[in-house]
Amino acid sequence: MTDNSKLYIALSATTAAVGVASVLAYFFRRGYCKHKAGPINHIIRKDEKKVTDVVDVEDLLSMIKPGGKISFCRCWKSQDWPYCDGVHKEHNKCTGDNVGALNIVRKKTSTD
């Protein structure tokens, strides 16, 4: 076997290995991500034409302790909806999205 043949075989094997690794990485990543194109809301109040809510600010104040915060889900994936459980981090990793929670904070005042 000539030196050129050995080099050709070595390069072919390396190229094939890189190709196989790329295909496996693609399918692993694709299978790992549960989030595909299409509707983002798969489970929350699907019987309604549009999910919308009205919240009285006084109700929010009673829900948040002074110096605390409350986080609401904006990715529709939370198992604790309407509250954020952090699942948007996986959604962002899989889709390249940048969605995060709506965080409402209540400052401490001198009367608290």
PDB file of N, CA and C in Angstrom:
ATOM      1  N   MET A   1       0.852  -1.168   0.000  1.00  0.00           N
ATOM      2  CA  MET A   1       0.000   0.000   0.000  1.00  0.00           C
ATOM      3  C   MET A   1       0.907   1.244   0.000  1.00  0.00           C
ATOM      4  N   THR A   2       0.584   2.202  -0.850  1.00  0.00           N
ATOM      5  CA  THR A   2       1.413   3.408  -0.962  1.00  0.00           C
ATOM      6  C   THR A   2       1.096   4.392   0.157  1.00  0.00           C
ATOM      7  N   ASP A   3       1.988   5.341   0.318  1.00  0.00           N
ATOM      8  CA  ASP A   3       1.784   6.365   1.341  1.00  0.00           C
ATOM      9  C   ASP A   3       0.542   7.194   1.042  1.00  0.00           C
ATOM     10  N   ASN A   4       0.303   7.450  -0.248  1.00  0.00           N
ATOM     11  CA  ASN A   4      -0.895   8.221  -0.624  1.00  0.00           C
ATOM     12  C   ASN A   4      -2.171   7.451  -0.279  1.00  0.00           C
ATOM     13  N   SER A   5      -2.165   6.152  -0.487  1.00  0.00           N
ATOM     14  CA  SER A   5      -3.329   5.327  -0.162  1.00  0.00           C
ATOM     15  C   SER A   5      -3.600   5.338   1.339  1.00  0.00           C
ATOM     16  N   LYS A   6      -2.532   5.236   2.121  1.00  0.00           N
ATOM     17  CA  LYS A   6      -2.685   5.260   3.580  1.00  0.00           C
ATOM     18  C   LYS A   6      -3.245   6.601   4.045  1.00  0.00           C
ATOM     19  N   LEU A   7      -2.747   7.687   3.462  1.00  0.00           N
ATOM     20  CA  LEU A   7      -3.233   9.027   3.808  1.00  0.00           C
ATOM     21  C   LEU A   7      -4.697   9.179   3.419  1.00  0.00           C
ATOM     22  N   TYR A   8      -5.042   8.684   2.224  1.00  0.00           N
ATOM     23  CA  TYR A   8      -6.428   8.750   1.750  1.00  0.00           C
ATOM     24  C   TYR A   8      -7.367   7.987   2.686  1.00  0.00           C
ATOM     25  N   ILE A   9      -6.972   6.810   3.093  1.00  0.00           N
ATOM     26  CA  ILE A   9      -7.789   5.991   4.002  1.00  0.00           C
ATOM     27  C   ILE A   9      -7.924   6.682   5.361  1.00  0.00           C
ATOM     28  N   ALA A  10      -6.830   7.235   5.861  1.00  0.00           N
ATOM     29  CA  ALA A  10      -6.872   7.920   7.155  1.00  0.00           C
ATOM     30  C   ALA A  10      -7.783   9.134   7.092  1.00  0.00           C
ATOM     31  N   LEU A  11      -7.667   9.931   6.018  1.00  0.00           N
ATOM     32  CA  LEU A  11      -8.529  11.108   5.863  1.00  0.00           C
ATOM     33  C   LEU A  11      -9.992  10.716   5.673  1.00  0.00           C
ATOM     34  N   SER A  12     -10.234   9.669   4.927  1.00  0.00           N
ATOM     35  CA  SER A  12     -11.606   9.193   4.711  1.00  0.00           C
ATOM     36  C   SER A  12     -12.236   8.732   6.025  1.00  0.00           C
ATOM     37  N   ALA A  13     -11.463   8.002   6.806  1.00  0.00           N
ATOM     38  CA  ALA A  13     -11.981   7.517   8.092  1.00  0.00           C
ATOM     39  C   ALA A  13     -12.263   8.683   9.032  1.00  0.00           C
ATOM     40  N   THR A  14     -11.375   9.671   9.056  1.00  0.00           N
ATOM     41  CA  THR A  14     -11.574  10.846   9.911  1.00  0.00           C
ATOM     42  C   THR A  14     -12.805  11.628   9.469  1.00  0.00           C
ATOM     43  N   THR A  15     -12.939  11.835   8.168  1.00  0.00           N
ATOM     44  CA  THR A  15     -14.091  12.558   7.632  1.00  0.00           C
ATOM     45  C   THR A  15     -15.390  11.826   7.960  1.00  0.00           C
ATOM     46  N   ALA A  16     -15.389  10.521   7.804  1.00  0.00           N
ATOM     47  CA  ALA A  16     -16.574   9.721   8.119  1.00  0.00           C
ATOM     48  C   ALA A  16     -16.912   9.822   9.601  1.00  0.00           C
ATOM     49  N   ALA A  17     -15.902   9.768  10.450  1.00  0.00           N
ATOM     50  CA  ALA A  17     -16.134   9.858  11.899  1.00  0.00           C
ATOM     51  C   ALA A  17     -16.726  11.207  12.272  1.00  0.00           C
ATOM     52  N   VAL A  18     -16.198  12.275  11.689  1.00  0.00           N
ATOM     53  CA  VAL A  18     -16.733  13.619  11.957  1.00  0.00           C
ATOM     54  C   VAL A  18     -18.168  13.714  11.450  1.00  0.00           C
ATOM     55  N   GLY A  19     -18.431  13.165  10.286  1.00  0.00           N
ATOM     56  CA  GLY A  19     -19.789  13.183   9.742  1.00  0.00           C
ATOM     57  C   GLY A  19     -20.771  12.438  10.621  1.00  0.00           C
ATOM     58  N   VAL A  20     -20.404  11.255  11.059  1.00  0.00           N
ATOM     59  CA  VAL A  20     -21.267  10.455  11.942  1.00  0.00           C
ATOM     60  C   VAL A  20     -21.500  11.188  13.254  1.00  0.00           C
ATOM     61  N   ALA A  21     -20.446  11.768  13.808  1.00  0.00           N
ATOM     62  CA  ALA A  21     -20.580  12.506  15.071  1.00  0.00           C
ATOM     63  C   ALA A  21     -21.520  13.701  14.899  1.00  0.00           C
ATOM     64  N   SER A  22     -21.418  14.385  13.770  1.00  0.00           N
ATOM     65  CA  SER A  22     -22.296  15.534  13.498  1.00  0.00           C
ATOM     66  C   SER A  22     -23.753  15.109  13.386  1.00  0.00           C
ATOM     67  N   VAL A  23     -23.996  14.033  12.676  1.00  0.00           N
ATOM     68  CA  VAL A  23     -25.370  13.534  12.518  1.00  0.00           C
ATOM     69  C   VAL A  23     -25.932  13.089  13.862  1.00  0.00           C
ATOM     70  N   LEU A  24     -25.132  12.370  14.631  1.00  0.00           N
ATOM     71  CA  LEU A  24     -25.595  11.931  15.954  1.00  0.00           C
ATOM     72  C   LEU A  24     -25.877  13.127  16.867  1.00  0.00           C
ATOM     73  N   ALA A  25     -25.001  14.128  16.840  1.00  0.00           N
ATOM     74  CA  ALA A  25     -25.209  15.323  17.659  1.00  0.00           C
ATOM     75  C   ALA A  25     -26.491  16.032  17.248  1.00  0.00           C
ATOM     76  N   TYR A  26     -26.744  16.136  15.944  1.00  0.00           N
ATOM     77  CA  TYR A  26     -27.964  16.777  15.448  1.00  0.00           C
ATOM     78  C   TYR A  26     -29.204  16.044  15.933  1.00  0.00           C
ATOM     79  N   PHE A  27     -29.227  14.736  15.772  1.00  0.00           N
ATOM     80  CA  PHE A  27     -30.410  13.978  16.181  1.00  0.00           C
ATOM     81  C   PHE A  27     -30.553  13.919  17.702  1.00  0.00           C
ATOM     82  N   PHE A  28     -29.449  13.872  18.432  1.00  0.00           N
ATOM     83  CA  PHE A  28     -29.524  13.917  19.892  1.00  0.00           C
ATOM     84  C   PHE A  28     -30.133  15.226  20.336  1.00  0.00           C
ATOM     85  N   ARG A  29     -29.647  16.307  19.794  1.00  0.00           N
ATOM     86  CA  ARG A  29     -30.148  17.644  20.158  1.00  0.00           C
ATOM     87  C   ARG A  29     -31.617  17.782  19.776  1.00  0.00           C
ATOM     88  N   ARG A  30     -31.963  17.303  18.610  1.00  0.00           N
ATOM     89  CA  ARG A  30     -33.340  17.392  18.136  1.00  0.00           C
ATOM     90  C   ARG A  30     -34.269  16.546  18.998  1.00  0.00           C
ATOM     91  N   GLY A  31     -33.834  15.361  19.391  1.00  0.00           N
ATOM     92  CA  GLY A  31     -34.646  14.496  20.231  1.00  0.00           C
ATOM     93  C   GLY A  31     -34.714  14.984  21.661  1.00  0.00           C
ATOM     94  N   TYR A  32     -33.652  15.631  22.116  1.00  0.00           N
ATOM     95  CA  TYR A  32     -33.600  16.135  23.486  1.00  0.00           C
ATOM     96  C   TYR A  32     -34.609  17.249  23.705  1.00  0.00           C
ATOM     97  N   CYS A  33     -34.733  18.139  22.744  1.00  0.00           N
ATOM     98  CA  CYS A  33     -35.638  19.279  22.882  1.00  0.00           C
ATOM     99  C   CYS A  33     -37.076  18.838  22.680  1.00  0.00           C
ATOM    100  N   LYS A  34     -37.875  19.113  23.667  1.00  0.00           N
ATOM    101  CA  LYS A  34     -39.284  18.761  23.590  1.00  0.00           C
ATOM    102  C   LYS A  34     -40.079  19.823  22.836  1.00  0.00           C
ATOM    103  N   HIS A  35     -39.491  20.996  22.671  1.00  0.00           N
ATOM    104  CA  HIS A  35     -40.195  22.133  22.109  1.00  0.00           C
ATOM    105  C   HIS A  35     -39.979  22.199  20.608  1.00  0.00           C
ATOM    106  N   LYS A  36     -41.034  22.045  19.874  1.00  0.00           N
ATOM    107  CA  LYS A  36     -40.975  22.090  18.419  1.00  0.00           C
ATOM    108  C   LYS A  36     -41.727  23.341  17.953  1.00  0.00           C
ATOM    109  N   ALA A  37     -41.641  23.628  16.674  1.00  0.00           N
ATOM    110  CA  ALA A  37     -42.370  24.755  16.108  1.00  0.00           C
ATOM    111  C   ALA A  37     -43.871  24.514  16.258  1.00  0.00           C
ATOM    112  N   GLY A  38     -44.610  25.567  16.392  1.00  0.00           N
ATOM    113  CA  GLY A  38     -46.049  25.484  16.545  1.00  0.00           C
ATOM    114  C   GLY A  38     -46.484  26.226  17.786  1.00  0.00           C
ATOM    115  N   PRO A  39     -47.700  25.973  18.256  1.00  0.00           N
ATOM    116  CA  PRO A  39     -48.199  26.692  19.419  1.00  0.00           C
ATOM    117  C   PRO A  39     -47.299  26.486  20.633  1.00  0.00           C
ATOM    118  N   ILE A  40     -47.098  27.541  21.386  1.00  0.00           N
ATOM    119  CA  ILE A  40     -46.282  27.437  22.589  1.00  0.00           C
ATOM    120  C   ILE A  40     -47.120  26.925  23.761  1.00  0.00           C
ATOM    121  N   ASN A  41     -48.401  27.270  23.790  1.00  0.00           N
ATOM    122  CA  ASN A  41     -49.289  26.834  24.868  1.00  0.00           C
ATOM    123  C   ASN A  41     -49.914  25.496  24.499  1.00  0.00           C
ATOM    124  N   HIS A  42     -49.534  24.450  25.224  1.00  0.00           N
ATOM    125  CA  HIS A  42     -50.063  23.120  24.931  1.00  0.00           C
ATOM    126  C   HIS A  42     -51.077  22.641  25.968  1.00  0.00           C
ATOM    127  N   ILE A  43     -51.151  23.291  27.141  1.00  0.00           N
ATOM    128  CA  ILE A  43     -51.989  22.738  28.207  1.00  0.00           C
ATOM    129  C   ILE A  43     -52.836  23.753  28.967  1.00  0.00           C
ATOM    130  N   ILE A  44     -52.533  25.027  28.898  1.00  0.00           N
ATOM    131  CA  ILE A  44     -53.198  26.014  29.744  1.00  0.00           C
ATOM    132  C   ILE A  44     -54.495  26.502  29.095  1.00  0.00           C
ATOM    133  N   ARG A  45     -55.616  26.189  29.714  1.00  0.00           N
ATOM    134  CA  ARG A  45     -56.939  26.712  29.336  1.00  0.00           C
ATOM    135  C   ARG A  45     -57.180  26.687  27.827  1.00  0.00           C
ATOM    136  N   LYS A  46     -56.964  25.528  27.232  1.00  0.00           N
ATOM    137  CA  LYS A  46     -57.069  25.376  25.784  1.00  0.00           C
ATOM    138  C   LYS A  46     -58.491  25.524  25.256  1.00  0.00           C
ATOM    139  N   ASP A  47     -59.481  25.444  26.137  1.00  0.00           N
ATOM    140  CA  ASP A  47     -60.860  25.580  25.704  1.00  0.00           C
ATOM    141  C   ASP A  47     -61.239  27.042  25.447  1.00  0.00           C
ATOM    142  N   GLU A  48     -60.386  27.987  25.811  1.00  0.00           N
ATOM    143  CA  GLU A  48     -60.664  29.408  25.610  1.00  0.00           C
ATOM    144  C   GLU A  48     -60.056  29.894  24.305  1.00  0.00           C
ATOM    145  N   LYS A  49     -60.743  30.820  23.631  1.00  0.00           N
ATOM    146  CA  LYS A  49     -60.238  31.362  22.371  1.00  0.00           C
ATOM    147  C   LYS A  49     -58.926  32.106  22.585  1.00  0.00           C
ATOM    148  N   LYS A  50     -58.847  32.883  23.674  1.00  0.00           N
ATOM    149  CA  LYS A  50     -57.624  33.606  24.012  1.00  0.00           C
ATOM    150  C   LYS A  50     -57.513  33.645  25.527  1.00  0.00           C
ATOM    151  N   VAL A  51     -56.351  33.305  26.043  1.00  0.00           N
ATOM    152  CA  VAL A  51     -56.133  33.311  27.487  1.00  0.00           C
ATOM    153  C   VAL A  51     -55.670  34.711  27.879  1.00  0.00           C
ATOM    154  N   THR A  52     -56.483  35.382  28.666  1.00  0.00           N
ATOM    155  CA  THR A  52     -56.145  36.711  29.155  1.00  0.00           C
ATOM    156  C   THR A  52     -56.664  36.844  30.579  1.00  0.00           C
ATOM    157  N   ASP A  53     -55.971  37.620  31.376  1.00  0.00           N
ATOM    158  CA  ASP A  53     -56.347  37.775  32.782  1.00  0.00           C
ATOM    159  C   ASP A  53     -56.265  39.242  33.185  1.00  0.00           C
ATOM    160  N   VAL A  54     -57.039  39.599  34.189  1.00  0.00           N
ATOM    161  CA  VAL A  54     -56.989  40.920  34.792  1.00  0.00           C
ATOM    162  C   VAL A  54     -56.673  40.717  36.262  1.00  0.00           C
ATOM    163  N   VAL A  55     -55.670  41.453  36.748  1.00  0.00           N
ATOM    164  CA  VAL A  55     -55.257  41.340  38.138  1.00  0.00           C
ATOM    165  C   VAL A  55     -55.318  42.722  38.763  1.00  0.00           C
ATOM    166  N   ASP A  56     -55.967  42.821  39.893  1.00  0.00           N
ATOM    167  CA  ASP A  56     -56.017  44.075  40.645  1.00  0.00           C
ATOM    168  C   ASP A  56     -54.687  44.253  41.368  1.00  0.00           C
ATOM    169  N   VAL A  57     -54.099  45.433  41.264  1.00  0.00           N
ATOM    170  CA  VAL A  57     -52.804  45.689  41.876  1.00  0.00           C
ATOM    171  C   VAL A  57     -52.855  45.498  43.393  1.00  0.00           C
ATOM    172  N   GLU A  58     -53.974  45.755  44.001  1.00  0.00           N
ATOM    173  CA  GLU A  58     -54.101  45.548  45.447  1.00  0.00           C
ATOM    174  C   GLU A  58     -54.003  44.060  45.786  1.00  0.00           C
ATOM    175  N   ASP A  59     -54.521  43.210  44.916  1.00  0.00           N
ATOM    176  CA  ASP A  59     -54.396  41.767  45.127  1.00  0.00           C
ATOM    177  C   ASP A  59     -52.935  41.333  45.036  1.00  0.00           C
ATOM    178  N   LEU A  60     -52.193  41.925  44.110  1.00  0.00           N
ATOM    179  CA  LEU A  60     -50.771  41.604  43.998  1.00  0.00           C
ATOM    180  C   LEU A  60     -50.025  42.010  45.266  1.00  0.00           C
ATOM    181  N   LEU A  61     -50.340  43.174  45.785  1.00  0.00           N
ATOM    182  CA  LEU A  61     -49.670  43.629  47.004  1.00  0.00           C
ATOM    183  C   LEU A  61     -49.905  42.665  48.154  1.00  0.00           C
ATOM    184  N   SER A  62     -51.100  42.118  48.228  1.00  0.00           N
ATOM    185  CA  SER A  62     -51.384  41.177  49.322  1.00  0.00           C
ATOM    186  C   SER A  62     -50.674  39.836  49.120  1.00  0.00           C
ATOM    187  N   MET A  63     -50.269  39.533  47.876  1.00  0.00           N
ATOM    188  CA  MET A  63     -49.589  38.275  47.577  1.00  0.00           C
ATOM    189  C   MET A  63     -48.082  38.349  47.814  1.00  0.00           C
ATOM    190  N   ILE A  64     -47.534  39.563  47.831  1.00  0.00           N
ATOM    191  CA  ILE A  64     -46.082  39.729  47.915  1.00  0.00           C
ATOM    192  C   ILE A  64     -45.722  40.381  49.244  1.00  0.00           C
ATOM    193  N   LYS A  65     -44.850  39.729  49.975  1.00  0.00           N
ATOM    194  CA  LYS A  65     -44.369  40.298  51.229  1.00  0.00           C
ATOM    195  C   LYS A  65     -43.451  41.477  50.932  1.00  0.00           C
ATOM    196  N   PRO A  66     -43.390  42.467  51.833  1.00  0.00           N
ATOM    197  CA  PRO A  66     -42.454  43.578  51.631  1.00  0.00           C
ATOM    198  C   PRO A  66     -41.027  43.061  51.429  1.00  0.00           C
ATOM    199  N   GLY A  67     -40.374  43.564  50.402  1.00  0.00           N
ATOM    200  CA  GLY A  67     -39.023  43.121  50.072  1.00  0.00           C
ATOM    201  C   GLY A  67     -38.993  41.836  49.262  1.00  0.00           C
ATOM    202  N   GLY A  68     -40.148  41.292  48.936  1.00  0.00           N
ATOM    203  CA  GLY A  68     -40.228  40.028  48.197  1.00  0.00           C
ATOM    204  C   GLY A  68     -40.592  40.227  46.741  1.00  0.00           C
ATOM    205  N   LYS A  69     -40.786  39.129  46.056  1.00  0.00           N
ATOM    206  CA  LYS A  69     -41.183  39.184  44.653  1.00  0.00           C
ATOM    207  C   LYS A  69     -42.072  37.994  44.333  1.00  0.00           C
ATOM    208  N   ILE A  70     -42.763  38.114  43.213  1.00  0.00           N
ATOM    209  CA  ILE A  70     -43.559  37.016  42.672  1.00  0.00           C
ATOM    210  C   ILE A  70     -43.220  36.927  41.186  1.00  0.00           C
ATOM    211  N   SER A  71     -43.092  35.728  40.672  1.00  0.00           N
ATOM    212  CA  SER A  71     -42.699  35.519  39.277  1.00  0.00           C
ATOM    213  C   SER A  71     -43.815  34.813  38.527  1.00  0.00           C
ATOM    214  N   PHE A  72     -44.237  35.408  37.431  1.00  0.00           N
ATOM    215  CA  PHE A  72     -45.275  34.831  36.590  1.00  0.00           C
ATOM    216  C   PHE A  72     -44.669  34.263  35.306  1.00  0.00           C
ATOM    217  N   CYS A  73     -45.196  33.125  34.889  1.00  0.00           N
ATOM    218  CA  CYS A  73     -44.727  32.426  33.694  1.00  0.00           C
ATOM    219  C   CYS A  73     -45.128  33.194  32.431  1.00  0.00           C
ATOM    220  N   ARG A  74     -44.177  33.282  31.493  1.00  0.00           N
ATOM    221  CA  ARG A  74     -44.478  33.867  30.183  1.00  0.00           C
ATOM    222  C   ARG A  74     -44.162  32.899  29.054  1.00  0.00           C
ATOM    223  N   CYS A  75     -43.729  31.677  29.379  1.00  0.00           N
ATOM    224  CA  CYS A  75     -43.371  30.719  28.318  1.00  0.00           C
ATOM    225  C   CYS A  75     -44.450  29.646  28.127  1.00  0.00           C
ATOM    226  N   TRP A  76     -45.431  29.616  28.975  1.00  0.00           N
ATOM    227  CA  TRP A  76     -46.538  28.653  28.923  1.00  0.00           C
ATOM    228  C   TRP A  76     -46.117  27.221  29.237  1.00  0.00           C
ATOM    229  N   LYS A  77     -44.950  27.019  29.756  1.00  0.00           N
ATOM    230  CA  LYS A  77     -44.467  25.658  30.015  1.00  0.00           C
ATOM    231  C   LYS A  77     -44.494  25.276  31.493  1.00  0.00           C
ATOM    232  N   SER A  78     -44.740  26.233  32.375  1.00  0.00           N
ATOM    233  CA  SER A  78     -44.668  25.994  33.818  1.00  0.00           C
ATOM    234  C   SER A  78     -45.713  24.985  34.274  1.00  0.00           C
ATOM    235  N   GLN A  79     -45.287  24.066  35.135  1.00  0.00           N
ATOM    236  CA  GLN A  79     -46.218  23.120  35.748  1.00  0.00           C
ATOM    237  C   GLN A  79     -46.961  23.776  36.908  1.00  0.00           C
ATOM    238  N   ASP A  80     -46.541  24.983  37.285  1.00  0.00           N
ATOM    239  CA  ASP A  80     -47.157  25.738  38.381  1.00  0.00           C
ATOM    240  C   ASP A  80     -47.820  27.004  37.839  1.00  0.00           C
ATOM    241  N   TRP A  81     -48.250  26.957  36.583  1.00  0.00           N
ATOM    242  CA  TRP A  81     -48.821  28.121  35.920  1.00  0.00           C
ATOM    243  C   TRP A  81     -49.983  28.668  36.735  1.00  0.00           C
ATOM    244  N   PRO A  82     -50.113  29.969  36.921  1.00  0.00           N
ATOM    245  CA  PRO A  82     -49.476  31.080  36.213  1.00  0.00           C
ATOM    246  C   PRO A  82     -48.121  31.486  36.787  1.00  0.00           C
ATOM    247  N   TYR A  83     -47.631  30.755  37.768  1.00  0.00           N
ATOM    248  CA  TYR A  83     -46.353  31.112  38.379  1.00  0.00           C
ATOM    249  C   TYR A  83     -45.210  30.435  37.637  1.00  0.00           C
ATOM    250  N   CYS A  84     -44.072  31.100  37.618  1.00  0.00           N
ATOM    251  CA  CYS A  84     -42.880  30.579  36.945  1.00  0.00           C
ATOM    252  C   CYS A  84     -42.221  29.496  37.792  1.00  0.00           C
ATOM    253  N   ASP A  85     -41.845  28.395  37.149  1.00  0.00           N
ATOM    254  CA  ASP A  85     -41.081  27.347  37.840  1.00  0.00           C
ATOM    255  C   ASP A  85     -39.686  27.186  37.235  1.00  0.00           C
ATOM    256  N   GLY A  86     -39.290  28.100  36.334  1.00  0.00           N
ATOM    257  CA  GLY A  86     -37.953  28.088  35.749  1.00  0.00           C
ATOM    258  C   GLY A  86     -37.791  27.224  34.518  1.00  0.00           C
ATOM    259  N   VAL A  87     -38.869  26.590  34.050  1.00  0.00           N
ATOM    260  CA  VAL A  87     -38.770  25.678  32.908  1.00  0.00           C
ATOM    261  C   VAL A  87     -38.417  26.423  31.616  1.00  0.00           C
ATOM    262  N   HIS A  88     -38.573  27.740  31.594  1.00  0.00           N
ATOM    263  CA  HIS A  88     -38.218  28.509  30.401  1.00  0.00           C
ATOM    264  C   HIS A  88     -36.731  28.384  30.073  1.00  0.00           C
ATOM    265  N   LYS A  89     -35.928  28.049  31.069  1.00  0.00           N
ATOM    266  CA  LYS A  89     -34.481  27.886  30.822  1.00  0.00           C
ATOM    267  C   LYS A  89     -34.240  26.746  29.831  1.00  0.00           C
ATOM    268  N   GLU A  90     -34.947  25.632  29.988  1.00  0.00           N
ATOM    269  CA  GLU A  90     -34.829  24.513  29.048  1.00  0.00           C
ATOM    270  C   GLU A  90     -35.380  24.912  27.681  1.00  0.00           C
ATOM    271  N   HIS A  91     -36.525  25.611  27.685  1.00  0.00           N
ATOM    272  CA  HIS A  91     -37.127  26.089  26.439  1.00  0.00           C
ATOM    273  C   HIS A  91     -36.124  26.966  25.685  1.00  0.00           C
ATOM    274  N   ASN A  92     -35.500  27.908  26.383  1.00  0.00           N
ATOM    275  CA  ASN A  92     -34.536  28.815  25.748  1.00  0.00           C
ATOM    276  C   ASN A  92     -33.335  28.052  25.197  1.00  0.00           C
ATOM    277  N   LYS A  93     -32.846  27.077  25.960  1.00  0.00           N
ATOM    278  CA  LYS A  93     -31.688  26.288  25.528  1.00  0.00           C
ATOM    279  C   LYS A  93     -32.004  25.511  24.254  1.00  0.00           C
ATOM    280  N   CYS A  94     -33.191  24.951  24.190  1.00  0.00           N
ATOM    281  CA  CYS A  94     -33.568  24.118  23.042  1.00  0.00           C
ATOM    282  C   CYS A  94     -33.933  24.927  21.814  1.00  0.00           C
ATOM    283  N   THR A  95     -34.523  26.098  22.006  1.00  0.00           N
ATOM    284  CA  THR A  95     -35.055  26.850  20.877  1.00  0.00           C
ATOM    285  C   THR A  95     -34.244  28.075  20.508  1.00  0.00           C
ATOM    286  N   GLY A  96     -33.327  28.501  21.381  1.00  0.00           N
ATOM    287  CA  GLY A  96     -32.604  29.741  21.136  1.00  0.00           C
ATOM    288  C   GLY A  96     -33.423  30.964  21.491  1.00  0.00           C
ATOM    289  N   ASP A  97     -34.560  30.750  22.114  1.00  0.00           N
ATOM    290  CA  ASP A  97     -35.446  31.846  22.531  1.00  0.00           C
ATOM    291  C   ASP A  97     -34.827  32.578  23.723  1.00  0.00           C
ATOM    292  N   ASN A  98     -35.429  33.653  24.147  1.00  0.00           N
ATOM    293  CA  ASN A  98     -34.910  34.415  25.278  1.00  0.00           C
ATOM    294  C   ASN A  98     -36.005  34.785  26.277  1.00  0.00           C
ATOM    295  N   VAL A  99     -37.059  33.983  26.334  1.00  0.00           N
ATOM    296  CA  VAL A  99     -38.180  34.285  27.215  1.00  0.00           C
ATOM    297  C   VAL A  99     -37.792  34.082  28.678  1.00  0.00           C
ATOM    298  N   GLY A 100     -38.370  34.890  29.527  1.00  0.00           N
ATOM    299  CA  GLY A 100     -38.149  34.780  30.969  1.00  0.00           C
ATOM    300  C   GLY A 100     -39.424  35.137  31.711  1.00  0.00           C
ATOM    301  N   ALA A 101     -39.356  35.064  33.002  1.00  0.00           N
ATOM    302  CA  ALA A 101     -40.531  35.324  33.840  1.00  0.00           C
ATOM    303  C   ALA A 101     -40.838  36.816  33.913  1.00  0.00           C
ATOM    304  N   LEU A 102     -42.066  37.119  34.265  1.00  0.00           N
ATOM    305  CA  LEU A 102     -42.455  38.470  34.657  1.00  0.00           C
ATOM    306  C   LEU A 102     -42.296  38.521  36.167  1.00  0.00           C
ATOM    307  N   ASN A 103     -41.318  39.278  36.640  1.00  0.00           N
ATOM    308  CA  ASN A 103     -41.043  39.384  38.073  1.00  0.00           C
ATOM    309  C   ASN A 103     -41.614  40.693  38.596  1.00  0.00           C
ATOM    310  N   ILE A 104     -42.440  40.588  39.619  1.00  0.00           N
ATOM    311  CA  ILE A 104     -43.014  41.764  40.253  1.00  0.00           C
ATOM    312  C   ILE A 104     -42.451  41.824  41.662  1.00  0.00           C
ATOM    313  N   VAL A 105     -41.814  42.943  41.983  1.00  0.00           N
ATOM    314  CA  VAL A 105     -41.180  43.101  43.296  1.00  0.00           C
ATOM    315  C   VAL A 105     -41.954  44.119  44.117  1.00  0.00           C
ATOM    316  N   ARG A 106     -41.860  43.928  45.419  1.00  0.00           N
ATOM    317  CA  ARG A 106     -42.459  44.888  46.352  1.00  0.00           C
ATOM    318  C   ARG A 106     -41.339  45.386  47.257  1.00  0.00           C
ATOM    319  N   LYS A 107     -41.080  46.655  47.139  1.00  0.00           N
ATOM    320  CA  LYS A 107     -40.022  47.255  47.955  1.00  0.00           C
ATOM    321  C   LYS A 107     -40.466  47.366  49.403  1.00  0.00           C
ATOM    322  N   LYS A 108     -39.501  47.319  50.278  1.00  0.00           N
ATOM    323  CA  LYS A 108     -39.766  47.602  51.680  1.00  0.00           C
ATOM    324  C   LYS A 108     -39.884  49.109  51.845  1.00  0.00           C
ATOM    325  N   THR A 109     -40.863  49.523  52.611  1.00  0.00           N
ATOM    326  CA  THR A 109     -41.003  50.942  52.896  1.00  0.00           C
ATOM    327  C   THR A 109     -40.840  51.162  54.407  1.00  0.00           C
ATOM    328  N   SER A 110     -40.825  52.385  54.800  1.00  0.00           N
ATOM    329  CA  SER A 110     -40.653  52.681  56.227  1.00  0.00           C
ATOM    330  C   SER A 110     -41.852  52.232  57.038  1.00  0.00           C
ATOM    331  N   THR A 111     -42.986  52.013  56.391  1.00  0.00           N
ATOM    332  CA  THR A 111     -44.179  51.556  57.115  1.00  0.00           C
ATOM    333  C   THR A 111     -44.282  50.044  57.200  1.00  0.00           C
ATOM    334  N   ASP A 112     -43.455  49.336  56.436  1.00  0.00           N
ATOM    335  CA  ASP A 112     -43.513  47.854  56.420  1.00  0.00           C
ATOM    336  C   ASP A 112     -42.782  47.255  57.600  1.00  0.00           C
TER     337      ASP A 112
END
